[in-house]
Structure formats: C-alpha cells, structure tokens
Amino acid sequence: MLESLCQASAWLIRKTDGFSHSMVVLREARNVKYADFVSPGQLLTVSARIIKREGDLTTLKAEGKADERSAVSARLIMERYNIGDRIPARAPTDAFLIRWLRGQFDKLYQPQDS
C-alpha cells in the first residue's frame, strides 16, 4: 500500500513539473498509518496532494482508501533530479527516460468526468 502512495506521488510530481526530471524517488516516509487491511482483488483508491516544495524535495500528503474507508496514509518526502546532474556522462539517459515516462503517463492517465 505504501508503494502505491509513492508511485501516485511520483506521477503527480512528474506531471506538475512538466516531466522536467528523469528521477523521482522516495526520500522519506513519515507518519505512515495503516488503518485497514486491503484484500487481494479489492480496489485501493489513492490520492496525493503536494504540501510544499523546497529545492529538489517535494513533501506530499497521500492516502489510500478501500470501500470509502481509509486504509493507509502518510506524509512523503520525494526527491527529484536528473541523472546527468550527478553523472554528466549519463545525461542522454535523461532525455530517453523523460520521453518514456511521458508515454507511460499518456497510457495510464484516464481523467474522470466531474
């Protein structure tokens, strides 16, 4: 369940930043609360909200609900960066990953009608 919160948060950061970073990784998980068990096959609906940004760190509040009941919640600190900033010889990898991530997002994202 915590992994699903991290993945949803990473996609939110990528989309919000216009896919400007090839890497979005979990730096820290705080106040993780498991409130209910989610059975195999049960739908976990995940939401994430950006609380603050400082440099290359983003703090989010994320929650997963099953059958309208909270199953997990956490405050996540995610780090975003480009590989080329740390290893200049790997800079071409950033462009490849960003293109691939945009393609994946376009396949996965299905806006709900309001």
N, C-alpha and C. Protein backbone atom coordinates (compact mmCIF):
# COMPACT_ATOMS: atom_id res chain seq x y z
N MET A 1 0.83 -1.19 0.00
CA MET A 1 0.00 0.00 0.00
C MET A 1 0.88 1.26 0.00
N LEU A 2 1.95 1.22 0.77
CA LEU A 2 2.85 2.38 0.81
C LEU A 2 3.49 2.61 -0.56
N GLU A 3 3.82 1.55 -1.25
CA GLU A 3 4.39 1.67 -2.60
C GLU A 3 3.41 2.37 -3.54
N SER A 4 2.13 2.07 -3.42
CA SER A 4 1.15 2.73 -4.29
C SER A 4 1.07 4.23 -4.00
N LEU A 5 1.21 4.62 -2.73
CA LEU A 5 1.24 6.04 -2.39
C LEU A 5 2.46 6.71 -3.02
N CYS A 6 3.59 6.04 -2.96
CA CYS A 6 4.82 6.60 -3.54
C CYS A 6 4.71 6.73 -5.06
N GLN A 7 4.17 5.73 -5.72
CA GLN A 7 4.04 5.77 -7.18
C GLN A 7 3.09 6.88 -7.61
N ALA A 8 1.95 7.00 -6.95
CA ALA A 8 1.00 8.07 -7.29
C ALA A 8 1.62 9.44 -7.06
N SER A 9 2.37 9.58 -5.98
CA SER A 9 3.03 10.85 -5.68
C SER A 9 4.08 11.19 -6.73
N ALA A 10 4.83 10.20 -7.16
CA ALA A 10 5.85 10.43 -8.19
C ALA A 10 5.21 10.89 -9.50
N TRP A 11 4.09 10.26 -9.88
CA TRP A 11 3.41 10.68 -11.11
C TRP A 11 2.88 12.11 -10.99
N LEU A 12 2.35 12.47 -9.82
CA LEU A 12 1.86 13.83 -9.60
C LEU A 12 3.00 14.84 -9.76
N ILE A 13 4.14 14.54 -9.18
CA ILE A 13 5.30 15.43 -9.29
C ILE A 13 5.75 15.54 -10.74
N ARG A 14 5.86 14.42 -11.42
CA ARG A 14 6.29 14.45 -12.83
C ARG A 14 5.37 15.34 -13.66
N LYS A 15 4.06 15.13 -13.52
CA LYS A 15 3.08 15.89 -14.30
C LYS A 15 3.12 17.37 -13.93
N THR A 16 3.18 17.67 -12.65
CA THR A 16 3.20 19.05 -12.17
C THR A 16 4.45 19.78 -12.65
N ASP A 17 5.56 19.08 -12.71
CA ASP A 17 6.84 19.68 -13.15
C ASP A 17 7.03 19.63 -14.66
N GLY A 18 6.04 19.17 -15.39
CA GLY A 18 6.17 19.09 -16.85
C GLY A 18 7.22 18.08 -17.28
N PHE A 19 7.36 17.02 -16.51
CA PHE A 19 8.32 15.95 -16.81
C PHE A 19 9.73 16.51 -17.00
N SER A 20 10.14 17.41 -16.11
CA SER A 20 11.47 18.01 -16.24
C SER A 20 12.57 17.22 -15.54
N HIS A 21 12.20 16.18 -14.79
CA HIS A 21 13.20 15.36 -14.10
C HIS A 21 13.00 13.89 -14.48
N SER A 22 14.11 13.22 -14.71
CA SER A 22 14.02 11.80 -15.08
C SER A 22 13.81 10.90 -13.87
N MET A 23 14.20 11.37 -12.69
CA MET A 23 14.11 10.55 -11.49
C MET A 23 13.26 11.25 -10.42
N VAL A 24 12.32 10.51 -9.86
CA VAL A 24 11.54 10.96 -8.70
C VAL A 24 11.53 9.77 -7.76
N VAL A 25 12.18 9.93 -6.61
CA VAL A 25 12.37 8.81 -5.69
C VAL A 25 11.93 9.19 -4.28
N LEU A 26 11.57 8.17 -3.50
CA LEU A 26 11.17 8.38 -2.11
C LEU A 26 12.41 8.70 -1.29
N ARG A 27 12.37 9.79 -0.59
CA ARG A 27 13.46 10.17 0.32
C ARG A 27 13.11 9.76 1.74
N GLU A 28 11.81 9.95 2.10
CA GLU A 28 11.40 9.65 3.47
C GLU A 28 9.89 9.45 3.53
N ALA A 29 9.47 8.52 4.37
CA ALA A 29 8.03 8.31 4.64
C ALA A 29 7.81 8.56 6.11
N ARG A 30 6.94 9.52 6.42
CA ARG A 30 6.66 9.89 7.80
C ARG A 30 5.19 9.63 8.13
N ASN A 31 4.94 9.43 9.40
CA ASN A 31 3.56 9.26 9.91
C ASN A 31 2.76 8.26 9.09
N VAL A 32 3.37 7.15 8.74
CA VAL A 32 2.66 6.12 7.98
C VAL A 32 1.67 5.44 8.92
N LYS A 33 0.40 5.43 8.51
CA LYS A 33 -0.65 4.82 9.32
C LYS A 33 -1.42 3.82 8.47
N TYR A 34 -1.41 2.58 8.91
CA TYR A 34 -2.19 1.54 8.26
C TYR A 34 -3.47 1.39 9.07
N ALA A 35 -4.59 1.75 8.47
CA ALA A 35 -5.85 1.77 9.21
C ALA A 35 -6.71 0.54 8.95
N ASP A 36 -6.52 -0.11 7.80
CA ASP A 36 -7.38 -1.22 7.44
C ASP A 36 -6.63 -2.14 6.49
N PHE A 37 -7.01 -3.40 6.47
CA PHE A 37 -6.44 -4.38 5.56
C PHE A 37 -7.12 -4.27 4.20
N VAL A 38 -6.34 -4.39 3.14
CA VAL A 38 -6.89 -4.42 1.78
C VAL A 38 -6.69 -5.83 1.25
N SER A 39 -7.80 -6.48 0.94
CA SER A 39 -7.76 -7.86 0.46
C SER A 39 -7.32 -7.92 -0.99
N PRO A 40 -6.69 -9.02 -1.41
CA PRO A 40 -6.36 -9.19 -2.83
C PRO A 40 -7.62 -9.04 -3.68
N GLY A 41 -7.50 -8.26 -4.74
CA GLY A 41 -8.63 -8.01 -5.63
C GLY A 41 -9.46 -6.80 -5.24
N GLN A 42 -9.28 -6.30 -4.04
CA GLN A 42 -10.01 -5.11 -3.59
C GLN A 42 -9.34 -3.87 -4.17
N LEU A 43 -10.14 -2.89 -4.54
CA LEU A 43 -9.64 -1.66 -5.15
C LEU A 43 -9.15 -0.69 -4.09
N LEU A 44 -7.91 -0.22 -4.26
CA LEU A 44 -7.34 0.81 -3.39
C LEU A 44 -7.28 2.09 -4.21
N THR A 45 -8.02 3.09 -3.79
CA THR A 45 -8.04 4.38 -4.49
C THR A 45 -7.07 5.31 -3.78
N VAL A 46 -6.09 5.82 -4.53
CA VAL A 46 -5.00 6.60 -3.95
C VAL A 46 -5.13 8.06 -4.36
N SER A 47 -4.89 8.95 -3.41
CA SER A 47 -4.84 10.38 -3.70
C SER A 47 -3.57 10.95 -3.08
N ALA A 48 -3.03 11.98 -3.72
CA ALA A 48 -1.82 12.64 -3.21
C ALA A 48 -1.97 14.14 -3.43
N ARG A 49 -1.47 14.90 -2.47
CA ARG A 49 -1.55 16.36 -2.54
C ARG A 49 -0.19 16.93 -2.16
N ILE A 50 0.31 17.85 -2.99
CA ILE A 50 1.58 18.49 -2.70
C ILE A 50 1.38 19.52 -1.60
N ILE A 51 2.20 19.43 -0.57
CA ILE A 51 2.13 20.35 0.56
C ILE A 51 3.18 21.45 0.43
N LYS A 52 4.41 21.06 0.09
CA LYS A 52 5.44 22.08 -0.06
C LYS A 52 6.57 21.57 -0.93
N ARG A 53 7.30 22.54 -1.49
CA ARG A 53 8.47 22.26 -2.32
C ARG A 53 9.64 23.08 -1.78
N GLU A 54 10.76 22.42 -1.63
CA GLU A 54 12.00 23.09 -1.22
C GLU A 54 13.13 22.51 -2.05
N GLY A 55 13.69 23.32 -2.95
CA GLY A 55 14.76 22.81 -3.81
C GLY A 55 14.28 21.64 -4.62
N ASP A 56 14.99 20.52 -4.50
CA ASP A 56 14.60 19.34 -5.26
C ASP A 56 13.79 18.34 -4.42
N LEU A 57 13.25 18.81 -3.29
CA LEU A 57 12.41 17.97 -2.45
C LEU A 57 10.96 18.44 -2.50
N THR A 58 10.05 17.48 -2.53
CA THR A 58 8.61 17.76 -2.52
C THR A 58 7.99 16.96 -1.38
N THR A 59 7.21 17.64 -0.54
CA THR A 59 6.50 16.98 0.55
C THR A 59 5.04 16.83 0.14
N LEU A 60 4.50 15.64 0.33
CA LEU A 60 3.13 15.35 -0.05
C LEU A 60 2.40 14.65 1.08
N LYS A 61 1.10 14.80 1.07
CA LYS A 61 0.21 14.03 1.94
C LYS A 61 -0.51 13.06 1.01
N ALA A 62 -0.41 11.77 1.30
CA ALA A 62 -1.03 10.76 0.43
C ALA A 62 -1.90 9.83 1.26
N GLU A 63 -2.96 9.34 0.62
CA GLU A 63 -3.91 8.47 1.31
C GLU A 63 -4.45 7.42 0.35
N GLY A 64 -4.68 6.24 0.87
CA GLY A 64 -5.30 5.17 0.11
C GLY A 64 -6.58 4.74 0.80
N LYS A 65 -7.66 4.65 0.02
CA LYS A 65 -8.95 4.25 0.58
C LYS A 65 -9.44 2.99 -0.13
N ALA A 66 -10.09 2.12 0.64
CA ALA A 66 -10.74 0.93 0.10
C ALA A 66 -12.17 0.95 0.61
N ASP A 67 -13.11 0.86 -0.28
CA ASP A 67 -14.54 0.92 0.09
C ASP A 67 -14.84 2.17 0.90
N GLU A 68 -14.29 3.31 0.47
CA GLU A 68 -14.51 4.62 1.10
C GLU A 68 -13.96 4.73 2.53
N ARG A 69 -13.20 3.72 2.97
CA ARG A 69 -12.58 3.77 4.30
C ARG A 69 -11.07 3.92 4.13
N SER A 70 -10.47 4.74 4.96
CA SER A 70 -9.03 4.93 4.90
C SER A 70 -8.32 3.62 5.21
N ALA A 71 -7.38 3.26 4.36
CA ALA A 71 -6.60 2.03 4.57
C ALA A 71 -5.15 2.36 4.92
N VAL A 72 -4.64 3.46 4.36
CA VAL A 72 -3.26 3.86 4.62
C VAL A 72 -3.13 5.36 4.36
N SER A 73 -2.27 6.00 5.14
CA SER A 73 -1.98 7.42 4.89
C SER A 73 -0.53 7.67 5.30
N ALA A 74 0.07 8.70 4.71
CA ALA A 74 1.46 9.02 5.01
C ALA A 74 1.80 10.41 4.52
N ARG A 75 2.84 10.96 5.10
CA ARG A 75 3.46 12.19 4.61
C ARG A 75 4.75 11.72 3.95
N LEU A 76 4.89 12.01 2.66
CA LEU A 76 6.04 11.55 1.89
C LEU A 76 6.93 12.71 1.50
N ILE A 77 8.22 12.47 1.54
CA ILE A 77 9.18 13.43 1.01
C ILE A 77 9.84 12.75 -0.19
N MET A 78 9.62 13.34 -1.35
CA MET A 78 10.14 12.79 -2.60
C MET A 78 11.24 13.71 -3.14
N GLU A 79 12.27 13.09 -3.69
CA GLU A 79 13.37 13.84 -4.29
C GLU A 79 13.29 13.69 -5.81
N ARG A 80 13.53 14.80 -6.52
CA ARG A 80 13.51 14.76 -7.98
C ARG A 80 14.84 15.31 -8.50
N TYR A 81 15.36 14.64 -9.54
CA TYR A 81 16.64 15.06 -10.11
C TYR A 81 16.81 14.45 -11.49
N ASN A 82 17.83 14.91 -12.19
CA ASN A 82 18.22 14.33 -13.46
C ASN A 82 19.54 13.59 -13.27
N ILE A 83 19.65 12.45 -13.88
CA ILE A 83 20.86 11.63 -13.76
C ILE A 83 22.08 12.42 -14.24
N GLY A 84 21.93 13.17 -15.31
CA GLY A 84 23.04 13.94 -15.87
C GLY A 84 23.60 14.98 -14.93
N ASP A 85 22.79 15.43 -13.96
CA ASP A 85 23.29 16.40 -12.98
C ASP A 85 24.28 15.75 -12.02
N ARG A 86 24.18 14.44 -11.84
CA ARG A 86 25.06 13.72 -10.92
C ARG A 86 26.17 12.98 -11.65
N ILE A 87 25.85 12.49 -12.84
CA ILE A 87 26.83 11.78 -13.65
C ILE A 87 26.73 12.35 -15.07
N PRO A 88 27.50 13.39 -15.37
CA PRO A 88 27.37 14.09 -16.66
C PRO A 88 27.42 13.18 -17.89
N ALA A 89 28.17 12.11 -17.84
CA ALA A 89 28.26 11.20 -18.99
C ALA A 89 26.93 10.49 -19.26
N ARG A 90 26.05 10.47 -18.28
CA ARG A 90 24.74 9.80 -18.42
C ARG A 90 23.62 10.76 -18.79
N ALA A 91 23.93 12.00 -19.13
CA ALA A 91 22.90 12.99 -19.47
C ALA A 91 21.95 12.53 -20.58
N PRO A 92 22.43 11.84 -21.62
CA PRO A 92 21.48 11.38 -22.67
C PRO A 92 20.39 10.45 -22.13
N THR A 93 20.67 9.78 -21.03
CA THR A 93 19.68 8.88 -20.43
C THR A 93 18.46 9.67 -19.96
N ASP A 94 18.66 10.90 -19.49
CA ASP A 94 17.55 11.72 -19.02
C ASP A 94 16.51 11.93 -20.11
N ALA A 95 16.96 12.33 -21.28
CA ALA A 95 16.02 12.58 -22.39
C ALA A 95 15.24 11.32 -22.73
N PHE A 96 15.92 10.18 -22.77
CA PHE A 96 15.24 8.91 -23.07
C PHE A 96 14.19 8.60 -22.00
N LEU A 97 14.58 8.69 -20.73
CA LEU A 97 13.64 8.37 -19.65
C LEU A 97 12.45 9.31 -19.62
N ILE A 98 12.69 10.59 -19.83
CA ILE A 98 11.59 11.56 -19.81
C ILE A 98 10.60 11.28 -20.93
N ARG A 99 11.11 10.97 -22.13
CA ARG A 99 10.22 10.60 -23.25
C ARG A 99 9.41 9.36 -22.90
N TRP A 100 10.07 8.36 -22.33
CA TRP A 100 9.40 7.11 -21.98
C TRP A 100 8.35 7.35 -20.89
N LEU A 101 8.69 8.14 -19.87
CA LEU A 101 7.74 8.43 -18.79
C LEU A 101 6.53 9.19 -19.29
N ARG A 102 6.74 10.15 -20.20
CA ARG A 102 5.59 10.86 -20.80
C ARG A 102 4.67 9.88 -21.52
N GLY A 103 5.26 8.97 -22.27
CA GLY A 103 4.47 7.95 -22.98
C GLY A 103 3.69 7.07 -22.02
N GLN A 104 4.33 6.66 -20.94
CA GLN A 104 3.65 5.84 -19.93
C GLN A 104 2.50 6.61 -19.29
N PHE A 105 2.73 7.87 -18.98
CA PHE A 105 1.69 8.69 -18.37
C PHE A 105 0.49 8.80 -19.31
N ASP A 106 0.75 9.05 -20.58
CA ASP A 106 -0.34 9.17 -21.54
C ASP A 106 -1.16 7.88 -21.63
N LYS A 107 -0.51 6.73 -21.45
CA LYS A 107 -1.23 5.46 -21.47
C LYS A 107 -2.01 5.23 -20.19
N LEU A 108 -1.46 5.64 -19.06
CA LEU A 108 -2.06 5.35 -17.76
C LEU A 108 -3.12 6.34 -17.32
N TYR A 109 -2.95 7.60 -17.64
CA TYR A 109 -3.82 8.65 -17.11
C TYR A 109 -5.17 8.64 -17.82
N GLN A 110 -6.21 8.48 -17.04
CA GLN A 110 -7.57 8.49 -17.56
C GLN A 110 -8.40 9.42 -16.68
N PRO A 111 -8.52 10.69 -17.09
CA PRO A 111 -9.27 11.64 -16.26
C PRO A 111 -10.71 11.18 -16.05
N GLN A 112 -11.20 11.42 -14.84
CA GLN A 112 -12.57 11.09 -14.53
C GLN A 112 -13.45 12.28 -14.85
N ASP A 113 -14.66 12.00 -15.33
CA ASP A 113 -15.62 13.07 -15.60
C ASP A 113 -16.07 13.65 -14.27
N SER A 114 -16.16 14.97 -14.22
CA SER A 114 -16.58 15.63 -12.97
C SER A 114 -18.08 15.68 -12.87
